[in-house]
């Protein structure tokens, strides 16, 4: 179910996670924020036993690109998010004729990183209360058109 209400999306995702926990499912792909454009789909899943260590991004009027790095025991950490990613927030707006991600902030249990980008229009926000972050996915073209979270039950 997708509606224009941020609270409805959060409740729907929380319900999906609780159902997956009850069914012993491994991961849940939440409804992505942003637009429906973008010619390429992408997905980043953090392997079991690994830790998200770095998020690189470029932004101006829109989020131009985003990439993720994880630590599997042999690489060095470059961003102090190994203590635990616990939430994400951002904004969605128009870039030309396309609805895209215009800004993003990542929350950890020791602080926040961001807000990166500009901040017009619609807000989104999601904090993990059940399960844990397991990755991200979305669509892109000349910018990041949509961004969703993958949670592990």
Protein backbone atom coordinates (compact mmCIF):
# COMPACT_ATOMS: atom_id res chain seq x y z
CA UNK A 1 0.00 0.00 0.00
CA UNK A 2 1.42 3.40 -0.93
CA UNK A 3 -0.15 6.71 -0.02
CA UNK A 4 1.04 10.27 0.13
CA UNK A 5 1.35 10.09 3.90
CA UNK A 6 4.83 9.60 5.34
CA UNK A 7 3.29 8.16 8.54
CA UNK A 8 1.33 5.57 6.56
CA UNK A 9 4.49 4.44 4.74
CA UNK A 10 6.37 4.08 8.04
CA UNK A 11 3.52 2.13 9.63
CA UNK A 12 3.22 -0.07 6.54
CA UNK A 13 6.95 -0.84 6.60
CA UNK A 14 6.85 -1.52 10.36
CA UNK A 15 3.94 -3.90 9.73
CA UNK A 16 5.85 -5.65 6.92
CA UNK A 17 8.86 -6.12 9.20
CA UNK A 18 6.76 -7.48 12.05
CA UNK A 19 5.13 -9.96 9.66
CA UNK A 20 8.56 -11.05 8.38
CA UNK A 21 9.82 -11.50 11.92
CA UNK A 22 6.81 -13.69 12.62
CA UNK A 23 7.41 -15.68 9.43
CA UNK A 24 11.21 -15.88 9.95
CA UNK A 25 11.80 -14.12 6.61
CA UNK A 26 15.26 -12.73 5.95
CA UNK A 27 14.77 -9.27 4.39
CA UNK A 28 12.11 -6.68 3.65
CA UNK A 29 12.36 -4.12 0.84
CA UNK A 30 10.55 -0.98 2.01
CA UNK A 31 8.59 1.24 -0.35
CA UNK A 32 11.16 3.62 -1.87
CA UNK A 33 10.99 7.38 -1.52
CA UNK A 34 11.31 9.59 -4.58
CA UNK A 35 10.05 9.45 -8.13
CA UNK A 36 9.31 6.72 -10.63
CA UNK A 37 11.93 7.81 -13.17
CA UNK A 38 15.43 6.53 -13.69
CA UNK A 39 16.64 4.15 -16.36
CA UNK A 40 18.76 1.94 -14.08
CA UNK A 41 17.83 0.02 -10.96
CA UNK A 42 20.44 -0.56 -8.28
CA UNK A 43 20.73 -2.54 -5.07
CA UNK A 44 23.33 -2.71 -2.30
CA UNK A 45 23.03 -5.51 0.25
CA UNK A 46 25.39 -5.71 3.22
CA UNK A 47 26.57 -9.34 3.49
CA UNK A 48 26.02 -11.21 6.76
CA UNK A 49 28.90 -10.60 9.15
CA UNK A 50 29.84 -7.32 7.43
CA UNK A 51 29.35 -3.73 8.57
CA UNK A 52 28.46 -0.64 6.54
CA UNK A 53 31.49 1.64 6.87
CA UNK A 54 31.23 4.35 4.25
CA UNK A 55 28.64 6.26 2.27
CA UNK A 56 29.89 8.43 -0.60
CA UNK A 57 27.57 10.86 -2.32
CA UNK A 58 27.51 13.93 -4.48
CA UNK A 59 24.74 16.48 -4.33
CA UNK A 60 23.72 19.87 -5.57
CA UNK A 61 20.09 20.58 -6.44
CA UNK A 62 19.58 16.80 -6.39
CA UNK A 63 21.40 13.76 -5.07
CA UNK A 64 23.69 13.05 -8.04
CA UNK A 65 25.06 9.70 -6.91
CA UNK A 66 25.40 7.54 -3.83
CA UNK A 67 27.67 4.58 -3.14
CA UNK A 68 28.21 2.36 -0.12
CA UNK A 69 31.20 0.45 1.28
CA UNK A 70 31.13 -2.34 3.81
CA UNK A 71 33.77 -3.86 6.09
CA UNK A 72 34.25 -7.61 5.96
CA UNK A 73 37.12 -7.85 8.42
CA UNK A 74 39.94 -6.74 6.12
CA UNK A 75 39.16 -3.15 5.10
CA UNK A 76 39.61 -0.03 7.22
CA UNK A 77 36.66 2.06 8.33
CA UNK A 78 36.51 5.58 6.90
CA UNK A 79 33.22 6.79 8.37
CA UNK A 80 32.17 6.13 11.96
CA UNK A 81 28.88 4.48 11.17
CA UNK A 82 30.01 1.02 12.21
CA UNK A 83 28.36 1.74 15.54
CA UNK A 84 25.03 1.23 13.82
CA UNK A 85 22.89 2.91 11.20
CA UNK A 86 19.56 3.51 12.89
CA UNK A 87 17.69 5.82 10.54
CA UNK A 88 17.50 7.80 7.34
CA UNK A 89 15.70 11.00 6.41
CA UNK A 90 15.65 13.28 3.44
CA UNK A 91 13.61 15.27 1.00
CA UNK A 92 12.05 14.68 -2.37
CA UNK A 93 11.51 17.41 -4.95
CA UNK A 94 11.55 18.30 -8.62
CA UNK A 95 14.78 18.43 -10.59
CA UNK A 96 13.76 19.63 -14.02
CA UNK A 97 10.61 17.63 -14.78
CA UNK A 98 11.58 14.64 -12.63
CA UNK A 99 10.80 13.86 -9.00
CA UNK A 100 14.09 12.87 -7.37
CA UNK A 101 15.84 12.64 -4.00
CA UNK A 102 17.04 16.19 -3.28
CA UNK A 103 18.67 15.61 0.11
CA UNK A 104 19.51 12.83 2.53
CA UNK A 105 20.64 12.47 6.15
CA UNK A 106 21.84 9.26 7.80
CA UNK A 107 21.43 8.66 11.54
CA UNK A 108 23.66 6.48 13.70
CA UNK A 109 23.46 5.74 17.38
CA UNK A 110 26.26 8.30 17.95
CA UNK A 111 25.10 11.16 15.70
CA UNK A 112 23.93 12.22 12.25
CA UNK A 113 25.63 12.66 8.87
CA UNK A 114 24.04 15.27 6.62
CA UNK A 115 21.83 16.91 5.43
CA UNK A 116 23.45 16.55 2.02
CA UNK A 117 21.77 18.31 -0.90
CA UNK A 118 18.99 20.88 -1.04
CA UNK A 119 15.82 20.77 0.98
CA UNK A 120 12.69 21.67 -1.00
CA UNK A 121 9.31 20.00 -0.82
CA UNK A 122 8.39 16.61 0.67
CA UNK A 123 10.10 15.11 3.72
CA UNK A 124 10.72 11.43 4.37
CA UNK A 125 12.07 9.78 7.48
CA UNK A 126 12.50 6.25 8.77
CA UNK A 127 14.02 4.97 11.99
CA UNK A 128 14.62 1.29 12.60
CA UNK A 129 12.60 -0.04 15.52
CA UNK A 130 12.44 -3.67 14.37
CA UNK A 131 15.24 -5.53 12.62
CA UNK A 132 18.34 -3.77 11.24
CA UNK A 133 19.50 -2.05 8.07
CA UNK A 134 20.67 -4.60 5.53
CA UNK A 135 21.05 -2.40 2.45
CA UNK A 136 19.57 0.11 0.06
CA UNK A 137 18.02 0.07 -3.41
CA UNK A 138 16.50 2.44 -5.92
CA UNK A 139 16.51 3.82 -9.43
CA UNK A 140 18.80 6.36 -11.04
CA UNK A 141 19.41 8.21 -14.26
CA UNK A 142 21.22 11.56 -14.15
CA UNK A 143 20.48 11.63 -10.41
CA UNK A 144 19.14 9.35 -7.69
CA UNK A 145 15.46 9.14 -8.59
CA UNK A 146 14.42 6.88 -5.72
CA UNK A 147 15.91 5.42 -2.56
CA UNK A 148 14.57 2.59 -0.44
CA UNK A 149 15.83 0.63 2.54
CA UNK A 150 16.34 -3.10 2.88
CA UNK A 151 15.85 -4.35 6.42
CA UNK A 152 16.81 -7.67 7.91
CA UNK A 153 14.25 -9.15 10.24
